[in-house]
N, C-alpha and C. Protein backbone atom coordinates (compact mmCIF):
# COMPACT_ATOMS: atom_id res chain seq x y z
N UNK A 1 25.93 -47.82 -19.14
CA UNK A 1 26.64 -47.98 -19.90
C UNK A 1 26.73 -48.58 -21.41
N UNK A 2 26.93 -47.78 -22.38
CA UNK A 2 26.87 -48.18 -23.52
C UNK A 2 27.57 -49.87 -23.99
N UNK A 3 27.10 -50.23 -25.39
CA UNK A 3 27.59 -51.56 -25.45
C UNK A 3 28.84 -51.61 -26.06
N UNK A 4 29.27 -50.23 -26.69
CA UNK A 4 30.93 -50.22 -27.09
C UNK A 4 31.48 -49.95 -25.77
N UNK A 5 31.12 -49.22 -24.67
CA UNK A 5 31.85 -49.52 -23.28
C UNK A 5 31.98 -50.43 -22.55
N UNK A 6 30.76 -51.33 -22.82
CA UNK A 6 30.70 -52.79 -22.30
C UNK A 6 31.96 -53.77 -22.52
N UNK A 7 31.76 -53.50 -24.37
CA UNK A 7 32.90 -54.24 -24.77
C UNK A 7 34.22 -53.92 -24.57
N UNK A 8 34.88 -52.85 -24.50
CA UNK A 8 35.81 -52.22 -24.24
C UNK A 8 36.25 -52.40 -22.62
N UNK A 9 35.32 -52.79 -21.93
CA UNK A 9 35.64 -52.77 -20.47
C UNK A 9 36.74 -53.41 -20.11
N UNK A 10 37.69 -53.18 -18.97
CA UNK A 10 38.64 -54.15 -18.88
C UNK A 10 38.38 -55.18 -17.90
N UNK A 11 36.96 -55.07 -17.49
CA UNK A 11 36.49 -56.37 -16.93
C UNK A 11 36.22 -57.24 -17.51
N UNK A 12 36.30 -57.25 -18.81
CA UNK A 12 35.92 -58.50 -19.83
C UNK A 12 37.06 -59.03 -20.48
N UNK A 13 37.34 -60.29 -20.38
CA UNK A 13 38.57 -61.02 -20.92
C UNK A 13 38.30 -61.19 -22.39
N UNK A 14 38.78 -60.48 -23.17
CA UNK A 14 38.50 -60.31 -24.88
C UNK A 14 39.10 -61.89 -25.41
N UNK A 15 38.63 -62.47 -26.10
CA UNK A 15 39.33 -63.58 -26.80
C UNK A 15 39.13 -63.65 -28.18
N UNK A 16 39.78 -64.59 -29.10
CA UNK A 16 39.15 -64.45 -30.55
C UNK A 16 38.04 -65.37 -30.64
N UNK A 17 37.65 -65.84 -29.86
CA UNK A 17 36.39 -66.63 -30.03
C UNK A 17 35.39 -66.10 -29.56
N UNK A 18 35.16 -64.90 -28.86
CA UNK A 18 34.17 -64.27 -28.17
C UNK A 18 34.79 -63.53 -27.08
N UNK A 19 34.05 -63.78 -25.89
CA UNK A 19 34.59 -62.74 -24.41
C UNK A 19 34.66 -63.91 -23.44
N UNK A 20 35.72 -64.06 -22.54
CA UNK A 20 35.56 -65.06 -21.28
C UNK A 20 34.76 -64.75 -20.38
N UNK A 21 34.85 -65.41 -19.22
CA UNK A 21 34.17 -65.21 -17.93
C UNK A 21 33.99 -63.80 -17.62
N UNK A 22 32.86 -63.38 -17.28
CA UNK A 22 32.60 -61.95 -16.42
C UNK A 22 33.80 -61.64 -15.66
N UNK A 23 34.79 -60.70 -15.43
CA UNK A 23 35.50 -60.35 -14.40
C UNK A 23 34.75 -59.48 -13.46
N UNK A 24 35.16 -59.50 -12.12
CA UNK A 24 34.59 -58.39 -11.11
C UNK A 24 33.22 -58.81 -10.81
N UNK A 25 32.53 -57.91 -10.14
CA UNK A 25 31.08 -58.04 -9.71
C UNK A 25 30.34 -58.37 -10.86
N UNK A 26 29.37 -59.24 -10.72
CA UNK A 26 28.46 -59.68 -11.77
C UNK A 26 27.11 -58.71 -11.58
N UNK A 27 26.47 -58.53 -12.68
CA UNK A 27 25.63 -58.06 -12.94
C UNK A 27 24.16 -58.17 -12.29
N UNK A 28 23.13 -57.61 -11.65
CA UNK A 28 21.99 -58.13 -11.06
C UNK A 28 21.04 -59.26 -11.83
N UNK A 29 20.94 -60.48 -11.60
CA UNK A 29 20.75 -61.69 -12.26
C UNK A 29 18.80 -61.56 -12.47
N UNK A 30 18.45 -61.36 -11.02
CA UNK A 30 17.07 -61.36 -11.14
C UNK A 30 16.25 -60.49 -11.76
N UNK A 31 15.49 -61.00 -12.94
CA UNK A 31 14.81 -60.00 -13.75
C UNK A 31 15.55 -59.42 -14.74
N UNK A 32 16.92 -59.88 -15.25
CA UNK A 32 17.79 -59.31 -16.13
C UNK A 32 17.81 -60.12 -17.23
N UNK A 33 18.56 -59.64 -18.24
CA UNK A 33 18.88 -60.38 -19.58
C UNK A 33 19.82 -61.31 -19.19
N UNK A 34 20.71 -61.21 -18.11
CA UNK A 34 21.97 -61.90 -18.32
C UNK A 34 21.80 -63.58 -18.02
N UNK A 35 22.73 -64.32 -18.36
CA UNK A 35 22.65 -65.87 -18.18
C UNK A 35 23.88 -66.00 -17.36
N UNK A 36 23.34 -66.70 -16.04
CA UNK A 36 24.43 -66.96 -15.14
C UNK A 36 25.64 -67.84 -15.61
N UNK A 37 25.39 -68.84 -16.23
CA UNK A 37 26.38 -69.97 -16.88
C UNK A 37 27.32 -69.22 -17.50
N UNK A 38 26.78 -68.21 -18.68
CA UNK A 38 27.66 -67.55 -19.41
C UNK A 38 28.53 -66.70 -18.88
N UNK A 39 28.09 -65.88 -17.63
CA UNK A 39 28.61 -64.95 -17.38
C UNK A 39 30.06 -65.83 -16.10
N UNK A 40 29.62 -66.93 -16.07
CA UNK A 40 30.84 -67.86 -15.27
C UNK A 40 31.67 -68.43 -16.41
N UNK A 41 31.22 -68.89 -17.67
CA UNK A 41 32.22 -69.74 -18.08
C UNK A 41 32.41 -68.62 -19.51
N UNK A 42 31.78 -67.68 -19.64
CA UNK A 42 32.49 -66.70 -21.02
C UNK A 42 31.11 -67.12 -21.94
N UNK A 43 31.52 -66.42 -23.19
CA UNK A 43 30.44 -66.35 -24.19
C UNK A 43 31.02 -66.35 -25.61
N UNK A 44 30.73 -67.58 -26.12
CA UNK A 44 31.95 -67.87 -27.39
C UNK A 44 30.67 -68.36 -28.46
N UNK A 45 29.32 -67.52 -28.51
CA UNK A 45 28.29 -67.70 -29.33
C UNK A 45 28.79 -66.84 -30.28
N UNK A 46 28.24 -66.78 -31.61
CA UNK A 46 28.26 -65.66 -32.64
C UNK A 46 26.92 -65.08 -32.55
N UNK A 47 27.27 -63.96 -31.78
CA UNK A 47 26.18 -63.00 -31.57
C UNK A 47 26.84 -61.29 -31.33
N UNK A 48 26.00 -60.26 -31.68
CA UNK A 48 26.72 -59.24 -31.64
C UNK A 48 26.99 -58.77 -30.32
N UNK A 49 27.89 -57.78 -30.47
CA UNK A 49 28.21 -57.52 -28.75
C UNK A 49 27.16 -57.30 -27.98
N UNK A 50 26.03 -56.48 -28.49
CA UNK A 50 24.93 -56.24 -27.65
C UNK A 50 24.35 -57.18 -26.90
N UNK A 51 24.52 -58.63 -27.28
CA UNK A 51 24.02 -59.65 -26.73
C UNK A 51 24.95 -60.74 -26.28
N UNK A 52 26.03 -60.11 -26.02
CA UNK A 52 27.33 -60.81 -25.18
C UNK A 52 26.38 -61.23 -23.65
N UNK A 53 26.52 -62.48 -23.27
CA UNK A 53 26.27 -62.96 -21.90
C UNK A 53 24.53 -62.89 -21.95
N UNK A 54 23.96 -62.40 -22.71
CA UNK A 54 22.36 -62.62 -22.71
C UNK A 54 22.05 -63.98 -22.60
N UNK A 55 21.01 -64.53 -22.04
CA UNK A 55 20.42 -65.54 -22.23
C UNK A 55 19.38 -65.64 -23.76
N UNK A 56 19.48 -66.76 -24.11
CA UNK A 56 18.81 -66.98 -25.63
C UNK A 56 17.65 -66.46 -25.49
N UNK A 57 16.90 -66.70 -24.51
CA UNK A 57 15.28 -66.25 -24.30
C UNK A 57 15.16 -64.92 -24.42
N UNK A 58 15.97 -64.14 -23.64
CA UNK A 58 16.31 -62.74 -23.47
C UNK A 58 16.34 -62.07 -25.07
N UNK A 59 17.37 -62.69 -25.58
CA UNK A 59 17.84 -62.05 -27.24
C UNK A 59 16.64 -62.53 -28.02
N UNK A 60 15.72 -63.65 -27.99
CA UNK A 60 14.66 -63.68 -28.73
C UNK A 60 13.58 -62.71 -28.61
N UNK A 61 13.44 -62.65 -27.11
CA UNK A 61 12.61 -61.58 -26.68
C UNK A 61 12.90 -60.13 -27.32
N UNK A 62 13.96 -59.82 -27.25
CA UNK A 62 14.56 -58.61 -27.80
C UNK A 62 14.33 -58.33 -29.33
N UNK A 63 14.64 -59.59 -30.01
CA UNK A 63 14.37 -59.47 -31.57
C UNK A 63 13.31 -59.20 -32.15
N UNK A 64 12.29 -59.79 -31.30
CA UNK A 64 10.66 -59.84 -31.49
C UNK A 64 10.16 -58.49 -31.37
N UNK A 65 10.77 -57.56 -30.83
CA UNK A 65 10.16 -56.15 -30.66
C UNK A 65 10.47 -55.51 -31.99
N UNK A 66 11.36 -56.27 -32.86
CA UNK A 66 12.13 -55.17 -33.68
C UNK A 66 11.88 -55.86 -35.08
N UNK A 67 11.32 -57.30 -35.23
CA UNK A 67 11.54 -58.00 -36.28
C UNK A 67 10.89 -57.36 -37.47
N UNK A 68 11.22 -57.47 -38.71
CA UNK A 68 10.67 -56.85 -39.92
C UNK A 68 9.37 -57.78 -40.25
N UNK A 69 8.77 -56.83 -40.94
CA UNK A 69 7.45 -57.50 -41.72
C UNK A 69 7.35 -58.40 -42.97
N UNK A 70 8.40 -59.02 -43.17
CA UNK A 70 8.53 -59.99 -44.41
C UNK A 70 8.55 -61.30 -43.86
N UNK A 71 8.13 -62.46 -44.48
CA UNK A 71 8.56 -63.62 -43.89
C UNK A 71 9.37 -64.25 -45.15
N UNK A 72 10.00 -65.60 -44.85
CA UNK A 72 10.54 -66.08 -45.78
C UNK A 72 10.01 -67.80 -45.79
N UNK A 73 9.76 -68.17 -47.08
CA UNK A 73 9.23 -69.80 -47.08
C UNK A 73 10.11 -70.55 -48.28
N UNK A 74 10.61 -71.87 -47.62
CA UNK A 74 11.42 -72.67 -48.48
C UNK A 74 10.74 -74.13 -48.55
N UNK A 75 10.54 -74.13 -50.18
CA UNK A 75 10.18 -75.46 -50.42
C UNK A 75 11.18 -76.69 -50.08
N UNK A 76 10.96 -77.66 -49.64
CA UNK A 76 11.89 -78.72 -48.80
C UNK A 76 11.67 -80.52 -49.18
N UNK A 77 11.72 -80.78 -50.55
CA UNK A 77 11.13 -82.01 -50.88
C UNK A 77 12.36 -82.76 -50.69
N UNK A 78 13.67 -81.96 -51.19
CA UNK A 78 14.93 -83.47 -51.49
C UNK A 78 15.95 -82.93 -49.90
N UNK A 79 15.33 -82.24 -49.00
CA UNK A 79 16.43 -82.12 -47.76
C UNK A 79 17.59 -81.09 -48.37
N UNK A 80 17.44 -80.18 -49.16
CA UNK A 80 18.32 -79.35 -49.88
C UNK A 80 19.23 -78.50 -48.70
N UNK A 81 20.28 -78.65 -48.87
CA UNK A 81 21.40 -78.36 -47.94
C UNK A 81 21.65 -76.56 -47.72
N UNK A 82 21.19 -75.90 -48.88
CA UNK A 82 20.70 -74.35 -48.87
C UNK A 82 19.77 -73.76 -47.96
N UNK A 83 18.97 -74.75 -47.20
CA UNK A 83 18.04 -74.14 -46.09
C UNK A 83 18.88 -73.63 -44.95
N UNK A 84 19.65 -74.29 -44.78
CA UNK A 84 20.14 -74.07 -43.10
C UNK A 84 20.65 -72.66 -43.35
N UNK A 85 21.19 -72.34 -44.76
CA UNK A 85 21.95 -70.80 -44.98
C UNK A 85 20.94 -69.88 -45.43
N UNK A 86 19.51 -70.08 -45.51
CA UNK A 86 18.62 -69.34 -45.80
C UNK A 86 18.26 -69.08 -44.51
N UNK A 87 17.85 -69.77 -43.84
CA UNK A 87 17.34 -69.53 -42.13
C UNK A 87 18.51 -68.59 -41.46
N UNK A 88 19.92 -68.95 -41.77
CA UNK A 88 20.86 -67.99 -41.05
C UNK A 88 20.49 -66.63 -41.72
N UNK A 89 20.31 -66.45 -43.04
CA UNK A 89 20.18 -65.07 -43.71
C UNK A 89 18.91 -64.18 -43.13
N UNK A 90 18.11 -65.12 -42.90
CA UNK A 90 16.91 -64.67 -42.43
C UNK A 90 16.87 -64.18 -40.92
N UNK A 91 17.36 -64.68 -40.14
CA UNK A 91 18.01 -64.33 -38.81
C UNK A 91 18.94 -63.06 -39.16
N UNK A 92 20.04 -62.88 -40.42
CA UNK A 92 20.58 -61.89 -39.98
C UNK A 92 19.97 -60.46 -40.66
N UNK A 93 18.83 -60.72 -41.41
CA UNK A 93 18.12 -59.56 -42.08
C UNK A 93 16.80 -59.50 -41.38
N UNK A 94 16.52 -60.38 -40.14
CA UNK A 94 15.54 -60.04 -39.25
C UNK A 94 14.43 -60.24 -39.78
N UNK A 95 13.97 -61.48 -40.34
CA UNK A 95 12.65 -61.81 -40.87
C UNK A 95 11.81 -62.10 -39.90
N UNK A 96 10.43 -61.98 -39.79
CA UNK A 96 9.65 -62.30 -39.02
C UNK A 96 9.59 -63.91 -38.88
N UNK A 97 9.58 -64.38 -39.52
CA UNK A 97 9.36 -65.98 -39.49
C UNK A 97 9.94 -66.45 -40.80
N UNK A 98 10.25 -68.01 -40.54
CA UNK A 98 10.83 -68.87 -41.76
C UNK A 98 9.43 -69.77 -41.99
N UNK A 99 9.35 -70.22 -43.11
CA UNK A 99 8.44 -71.27 -43.05
C UNK A 99 9.10 -72.37 -44.08
N UNK A 100 8.98 -73.88 -43.51
CA UNK A 100 9.44 -74.69 -44.34
C UNK A 100 8.34 -75.56 -44.87
N UNK A 101 8.14 -75.79 -46.19
CA UNK A 101 6.93 -76.43 -47.06
C UNK A 101 7.69 -77.78 -47.33
N UNK A 102 6.90 -78.59 -46.80
CA UNK A 102 7.00 -80.10 -47.62
C UNK A 102 7.93 -81.02 -46.34
N UNK A 103 8.92 -81.46 -46.21
CA UNK A 103 9.33 -82.42 -45.41
C UNK A 103 9.66 -81.42 -43.91
N UNK A 104 9.40 -82.02 -42.98
CA UNK A 104 9.68 -81.25 -41.72
C UNK A 104 11.22 -80.90 -41.44
N UNK A 105 11.85 -82.31 -41.59
CA UNK A 105 13.12 -82.44 -41.35
C UNK A 105 14.07 -81.37 -42.42
N UNK A 106 14.92 -80.76 -41.74
CA UNK A 106 15.78 -80.08 -42.76
C UNK A 106 17.49 -80.21 -42.20
N UNK A 107 18.13 -79.88 -43.06
CA UNK A 107 19.84 -79.64 -42.75
C UNK A 107 20.10 -78.33 -41.95
N UNK A 108 20.27 -78.64 -40.58
CA UNK A 108 20.51 -77.35 -39.54
C UNK A 108 21.81 -76.92 -39.89
N UNK A 109 22.85 -77.94 -40.48
CA UNK A 109 24.36 -77.40 -40.36
C UNK A 109 24.24 -76.04 -40.90
N UNK A 110 23.98 -75.58 -42.02
CA UNK A 110 24.08 -74.32 -42.52
C UNK A 110 23.61 -73.06 -41.51
N UNK A 111 22.80 -73.30 -40.92
CA UNK A 111 22.16 -72.41 -39.86
C UNK A 111 22.87 -71.97 -38.64
N UNK A 112 23.84 -72.47 -38.49
CA UNK A 112 25.18 -72.31 -37.37
C UNK A 112 24.16 -71.47 -36.00
N UNK A 113 23.46 -72.75 -36.06
CA UNK A 113 22.44 -72.44 -34.61
C UNK A 113 21.78 -71.07 -34.73
N UNK A 114 21.31 -70.25 -35.73
CA UNK A 114 20.64 -69.23 -35.74
C UNK A 114 19.13 -69.76 -35.63
N UNK A 115 19.13 -70.96 -36.03
CA UNK A 115 17.35 -71.10 -35.85
C UNK A 115 17.06 -71.28 -34.27
N UNK A 116 18.15 -71.02 -33.44
CA UNK A 116 17.75 -71.01 -31.84
C UNK A 116 16.72 -69.59 -31.73
N UNK A 117 17.19 -68.40 -32.68
CA UNK A 117 16.72 -67.42 -32.63
C UNK A 117 15.62 -66.92 -33.55
N UNK A 118 15.26 -67.57 -34.26
CA UNK A 118 14.22 -67.62 -35.44
C UNK A 118 13.19 -68.33 -35.44
N UNK A 119 11.82 -67.61 -35.59
CA UNK A 119 10.71 -68.31 -35.41
C UNK A 119 10.43 -69.32 -36.62
N UNK A 120 10.23 -70.58 -36.86
CA UNK A 120 10.29 -71.49 -37.91
C UNK A 120 8.72 -72.33 -37.83
N UNK A 121 8.13 -72.02 -38.67
CA UNK A 121 6.80 -72.78 -38.91
C UNK A 121 6.84 -73.86 -40.27
N UNK A 122 6.30 -75.01 -39.89
CA UNK A 122 6.45 -76.10 -40.95
C UNK A 122 4.85 -75.95 -41.74
N UNK A 123 4.95 -76.10 -43.23
CA UNK A 123 3.79 -76.54 -43.61
C UNK A 123 3.88 -77.89 -44.12
N UNK A 124 3.15 -78.89 -44.34
CA UNK A 124 3.13 -80.09 -44.90
C UNK A 124 3.16 -79.86 -46.50
N UNK A 125 2.33 -79.47 -47.08
CA UNK A 125 2.26 -78.85 -48.66
C UNK A 125 1.99 -77.62 -48.78
N UNK A 126 1.88 -77.18 -50.43
CA UNK A 126 2.35 -75.76 -50.70
C UNK A 126 0.64 -75.48 -50.52
N UNK A 127 -0.59 -76.14 -50.81
CA UNK A 127 -1.69 -76.04 -50.18
C UNK A 127 -1.83 -75.26 -48.97
N UNK A 128 -1.41 -76.08 -47.94
CA UNK A 128 -1.33 -75.42 -46.53
C UNK A 128 -0.83 -74.07 -46.24
N UNK A 129 0.27 -74.29 -47.05
CA UNK A 129 0.96 -72.73 -47.24
C UNK A 129 0.27 -71.64 -47.62
N UNK A 130 -0.21 -72.02 -48.72
CA UNK A 130 -1.24 -70.87 -49.33
C UNK A 130 -2.43 -70.46 -48.48
N UNK A 131 -2.94 -71.33 -47.69
CA UNK A 131 -4.19 -70.98 -46.84
C UNK A 131 -3.74 -70.23 -45.67
N UNK A 132 -2.45 -70.46 -45.03
CA UNK A 132 -2.09 -69.35 -44.10
C UNK A 132 -1.53 -67.99 -44.78
N UNK A 133 -1.21 -68.09 -45.97
CA UNK A 133 -0.88 -66.81 -46.48
C UNK A 133 -1.87 -65.94 -46.62
N UNK A 134 -3.10 -66.48 -47.22
CA UNK A 134 -4.41 -65.92 -47.34
C UNK A 134 -4.99 -65.39 -46.13
N UNK A 135 -4.68 -66.33 -45.37
CA UNK A 135 -5.43 -65.79 -43.93
C UNK A 135 -4.70 -64.67 -43.20
N UNK A 136 -3.59 -64.43 -43.49
CA UNK A 136 -2.69 -63.59 -42.76
C UNK A 136 -2.51 -62.29 -44.03
N UNK A 137 -3.52 -62.52 -44.85
CA UNK A 137 -3.35 -61.45 -46.06
C UNK A 137 -2.10 -60.93 -46.47
N UNK A 138 -0.88 -61.96 -46.86
CA UNK A 138 0.46 -61.45 -47.32
C UNK A 138 0.31 -61.96 -48.67
N UNK A 139 0.83 -61.02 -49.77
CA UNK A 139 1.25 -61.51 -50.96
C UNK A 139 2.29 -62.59 -51.10
N UNK A 140 2.52 -63.31 -51.62
CA UNK A 140 3.29 -64.81 -51.87
C UNK A 140 4.32 -63.93 -53.05
N UNK A 141 5.40 -63.68 -52.83
CA UNK A 141 6.69 -63.27 -53.60
C UNK A 141 7.31 -64.18 -53.99
N UNK A 142 7.27 -65.20 -55.32
CA UNK A 142 8.27 -65.92 -55.62
C UNK A 142 9.55 -65.53 -56.21
N UNK A 143 10.45 -66.29 -56.06
CA UNK A 143 11.64 -65.94 -56.46
C UNK A 143 12.39 -67.11 -57.31
N UNK A 144 12.39 -66.93 -58.97
CA UNK A 144 12.74 -68.09 -60.00
C UNK A 144 13.02 -67.45 -61.05
N UNK A 145 13.61 -67.83 -61.86
CA UNK A 145 13.92 -66.98 -63.26
C UNK A 145 13.09 -67.95 -64.27
N UNK A 146 11.76 -68.08 -64.30
CA UNK A 146 11.18 -68.54 -65.05
C UNK A 146 10.45 -67.93 -66.10
N UNK A 147 9.98 -67.95 -67.37
CA UNK A 147 9.12 -67.04 -68.21
C UNK A 147 8.03 -66.28 -67.85
N UNK A 148 8.16 -65.14 -68.13
CA UNK A 148 7.16 -64.37 -67.48
C UNK A 148 7.53 -63.59 -66.29
N UNK A 149 8.78 -63.83 -65.63
CA UNK A 149 9.18 -63.38 -64.65
C UNK A 149 9.38 -61.62 -64.53
N UNK A 150 9.35 -61.04 -63.54
CA UNK A 150 9.91 -59.68 -63.65
C UNK A 150 10.91 -59.44 -62.78
N UNK A 151 11.76 -58.39 -62.92
CA UNK A 151 13.14 -58.31 -62.32
C UNK A 151 12.79 -57.39 -61.06
N UNK A 152 13.58 -58.25 -60.07
CA UNK A 152 13.52 -57.62 -58.48
C UNK A 152 13.99 -55.99 -58.55
N UNK A 153 14.83 -56.04 -59.39
CA UNK A 153 15.62 -54.72 -59.32
C UNK A 153 14.87 -53.38 -59.71
N UNK A 154 13.56 -53.78 -60.55
CA UNK A 154 12.57 -52.98 -60.93
C UNK A 154 11.08 -52.96 -60.25
N UNK A 155 11.12 -53.70 -59.48
CA UNK A 155 9.86 -54.20 -58.46
C UNK A 155 9.76 -53.42 -57.42
N UNK A 156 8.67 -52.65 -56.72
CA UNK A 156 8.53 -52.19 -55.42
C UNK A 156 7.98 -53.55 -54.52
N UNK A 157 8.47 -53.70 -53.52
CA UNK A 157 8.66 -55.09 -52.90
C UNK A 157 7.36 -54.85 -51.81
N UNK A 158 6.35 -55.11 -51.72
CA UNK A 158 5.31 -54.93 -50.47
C UNK A 158 6.21 -54.78 -49.25
N UNK A 159 5.63 -54.34 -48.15
CA UNK A 159 6.21 -53.80 -46.88
C UNK A 159 5.91 -55.56 -46.08
N UNK A 160 4.47 -55.51 -46.23
CA UNK A 160 4.19 -57.24 -45.20
C UNK A 160 4.26 -58.07 -46.64
N UNK A 161 4.94 -59.15 -46.54
CA UNK A 161 5.05 -60.11 -47.56
C UNK A 161 5.71 -61.25 -47.41
N UNK A 162 5.28 -62.18 -48.08
CA UNK A 162 6.24 -63.48 -47.52
C UNK A 162 7.01 -63.81 -49.02
N UNK A 163 8.32 -64.06 -48.91
CA UNK A 163 9.09 -64.64 -49.93
C UNK A 163 9.49 -65.96 -50.33
N UNK A 164 9.36 -66.39 -51.35
CA UNK A 164 9.20 -68.20 -51.33
C UNK A 164 10.38 -68.43 -52.48
N UNK A 165 10.99 -69.26 -51.75
CA UNK A 165 12.51 -70.14 -52.83
C UNK A 165 12.12 -71.53 -52.82
N UNK A 166 12.52 -71.89 -53.61
CA UNK A 166 12.70 -73.41 -54.26
C UNK A 166 13.79 -73.94 -54.05
N UNK A 167 14.15 -75.37 -54.16
CA UNK A 167 15.32 -75.86 -54.30
C UNK A 167 16.40 -75.60 -54.86
N UNK A 168 17.79 -75.64 -54.49
CA UNK A 168 18.85 -75.58 -55.78
C UNK A 168 18.54 -76.77 -56.78
N UNK A 169 18.66 -76.39 -58.17
CA UNK A 169 18.42 -77.09 -59.28
C UNK A 169 17.19 -77.25 -59.80
N UNK A 170 16.13 -77.64 -59.38
CA UNK A 170 14.52 -77.78 -60.19
C UNK A 170 14.01 -76.23 -59.70
N UNK A 171 14.38 -75.39 -58.40
CA UNK A 171 13.64 -74.39 -58.35
C UNK A 171 12.26 -74.63 -57.52
N UNK A 172 11.41 -73.37 -57.93
CA UNK A 172 10.21 -73.97 -57.33
C UNK A 172 8.99 -74.68 -58.26
N UNK A 173 8.35 -75.35 -57.24
CA UNK A 173 7.23 -76.47 -58.17
C UNK A 173 6.62 -75.51 -58.60
N UNK A 174 5.75 -76.16 -59.74
CA UNK A 174 4.70 -75.44 -60.64
C UNK A 174 3.77 -75.11 -59.67
N UNK A 175 3.20 -76.03 -58.91
CA UNK A 175 2.32 -75.54 -57.87
C UNK A 175 2.35 -74.25 -56.99
N UNK A 176 3.88 -74.28 -56.65
CA UNK A 176 4.14 -72.91 -55.81
C UNK A 176 3.99 -71.66 -56.76
N UNK A 177 4.44 -71.64 -57.83
CA UNK A 177 4.59 -70.88 -58.95
C UNK A 177 3.25 -70.40 -59.22
N UNK A 178 2.44 -70.78 -59.32
CA UNK A 178 0.98 -70.71 -59.87
C UNK A 178 0.08 -70.17 -58.72
N UNK A 179 0.69 -70.52 -57.41
CA UNK A 179 0.21 -70.00 -56.18
C UNK A 179 0.57 -68.60 -55.73
N UNK A 180 1.86 -68.07 -56.71
CA UNK A 180 2.41 -66.98 -56.17
C UNK A 180 1.77 -65.41 -56.83
N UNK A 181 1.80 -64.33 -55.97
CA UNK A 181 1.22 -63.28 -56.60
C UNK A 181 2.05 -62.74 -57.91
N UNK A 182 3.40 -62.71 -57.83
CA UNK A 182 4.63 -62.53 -58.75
C UNK A 182 5.28 -63.18 -58.37
N UNK A 183 6.20 -63.59 -59.37
CA UNK A 183 7.53 -64.47 -59.56
C UNK A 183 8.62 -62.81 -60.11
N UNK A 184 9.53 -63.01 -59.07
CA UNK A 184 10.52 -62.14 -59.44
C UNK A 184 11.73 -63.02 -60.03
N UNK A 185 12.57 -62.28 -60.62
CA UNK A 185 14.12 -63.23 -60.78
C UNK A 185 15.28 -62.15 -60.18
N UNK A 186 16.71 -62.26 -60.28
CA UNK A 186 17.59 -61.48 -59.73
C UNK A 186 18.33 -61.58 -61.08
N UNK A 187 18.59 -60.03 -61.68
CA UNK A 187 19.42 -60.24 -62.83
C UNK A 187 20.73 -60.61 -62.71
N UNK A 188 21.04 -61.44 -63.53
CA UNK A 188 22.78 -61.70 -63.26
C UNK A 188 23.25 -61.64 -64.69
N UNK A 189 24.51 -61.52 -65.15
CA UNK A 189 25.11 -60.81 -66.09
C UNK A 189 26.26 -61.76 -66.83
N UNK A 190 26.36 -63.28 -65.95
CA UNK A 190 27.57 -63.86 -66.26
C UNK A 190 26.81 -64.89 -67.11
N UNK A 191 27.57 -66.05 -67.29
CA UNK A 191 27.15 -67.32 -67.90
C UNK A 191 26.34 -68.46 -67.47
N UNK A 192 26.15 -68.48 -66.08
CA UNK A 192 25.36 -69.70 -65.63
C UNK A 192 24.37 -69.10 -65.33
N UNK A 193 23.22 -69.97 -65.80
CA UNK A 193 21.63 -69.82 -65.32
C UNK A 193 21.10 -69.24 -64.20
N UNK A 194 21.80 -69.56 -63.31
CA UNK A 194 20.85 -69.58 -61.76
C UNK A 194 22.14 -69.10 -60.71
N UNK A 195 21.88 -68.70 -59.54
CA UNK A 195 22.65 -68.64 -58.84
C UNK A 195 22.41 -69.43 -57.40
N UNK A 196 23.02 -69.72 -56.39
CA UNK A 196 22.70 -70.35 -55.15
C UNK A 196 21.73 -70.19 -54.43
N UNK A 197 20.74 -71.05 -54.05
CA UNK A 197 19.39 -70.40 -53.56
C UNK A 197 19.70 -69.60 -52.24
N UNK A 198 20.56 -69.81 -51.44
CA UNK A 198 20.50 -69.30 -50.07
C UNK A 198 21.38 -67.83 -50.61
N UNK A 199 22.39 -67.69 -51.48
CA UNK A 199 22.55 -66.20 -52.02
C UNK A 199 21.39 -65.46 -52.61
N UNK A 200 20.55 -65.90 -53.20
CA UNK A 200 19.45 -65.57 -53.93
C UNK A 200 18.52 -65.07 -52.78
N UNK A 201 18.51 -65.69 -51.74
CA UNK A 201 17.69 -65.48 -50.67
C UNK A 201 18.08 -64.30 -49.87
N UNK A 202 19.62 -64.26 -49.82
CA UNK A 202 20.23 -63.19 -49.04
C UNK A 202 20.00 -61.83 -49.97
N UNK A 203 20.04 -62.00 -51.27
CA UNK A 203 19.92 -60.67 -52.14
C UNK A 203 18.50 -59.90 -51.92
N UNK A 204 17.66 -61.20 -52.05
CA UNK A 204 16.18 -60.59 -51.80
C UNK A 204 15.65 -59.98 -50.52
N UNK A 205 16.08 -60.68 -49.69
CA UNK A 205 15.85 -59.91 -48.26
C UNK A 205 16.76 -58.73 -48.33
N UNK A 206 17.91 -58.49 -48.94
CA UNK A 206 18.39 -56.77 -48.58
C UNK A 206 17.76 -56.04 -49.44
N UNK A 207 17.21 -56.53 -50.76
CA UNK A 207 16.47 -55.57 -51.54
C UNK A 207 15.41 -55.05 -50.58
N UNK A 208 14.60 -56.09 -49.88
CA UNK A 208 13.28 -55.24 -49.18
C UNK A 208 14.24 -54.21 -47.81
N UNK A 209 15.12 -54.82 -47.11
CA UNK A 209 15.62 -53.72 -46.28
C UNK A 209 16.12 -52.46 -47.27
N UNK A 210 16.73 -52.63 -48.31
CA UNK A 210 17.11 -51.26 -49.35
C UNK A 210 15.90 -50.60 -48.92
N UNK A 211 14.74 -51.20 -49.94
CA UNK A 211 13.25 -50.19 -49.92
C UNK A 211 12.70 -49.83 -48.94
N UNK A 212 12.64 -50.64 -47.68
CA UNK A 212 11.71 -50.35 -46.64
C UNK A 212 12.56 -49.77 -45.34
N UNK A 213 13.74 -49.97 -45.23
CA UNK A 213 14.51 -49.35 -43.84
C UNK A 213 15.30 -48.21 -44.55
N UNK A 214 16.18 -48.34 -45.58
CA UNK A 214 16.72 -47.11 -46.19
C UNK A 214 16.39 -46.77 -47.27
N UNK A 215 15.00 -46.97 -47.77
CA UNK A 215 14.41 -46.29 -48.76
C UNK A 215 13.79 -44.94 -48.40
């Protein structure tokens, strides 16, 4: 059965908040992707139709088979509320991993539980993050509108890389900028000097997708 057929099957009780309990005979559970509790009670999670009634572990395993080759890193010195939204964007664009630099605790509210499906690694310092990136042979692509930066619209993004974002307001630390292989900016046309950090992250990841998935 295709995903579309499964979604439209009359044996499923469709609701405005997801799907209700599985109606009719249950699919085989042993060794399958399905979760018994979700089959019994319904699936209200914010997941695409393909993953309805799947266990969280099965979804993560499936995503791991097709994750993209870019990473996302965020400096976290002031508990920026944007971090959760950036994690949510990383899930939407299927980043390989998200890296939190600085404070280990971050506001998960904006992630809308997508962090459950996204691999997240913590680095206590920028130096520790740099050591990791060099060991993985990943160029660090910083996003900030500082003197000497290049336009992302005119830059060929590496297929394997890590995008580095700073905090709302202060942007990236001087140490992070110096450690980056290149600093890119997103061209703006209005009066404001900068755009929201999570919006910048989404634009950057989509630019990578345009070049390496649809390019």
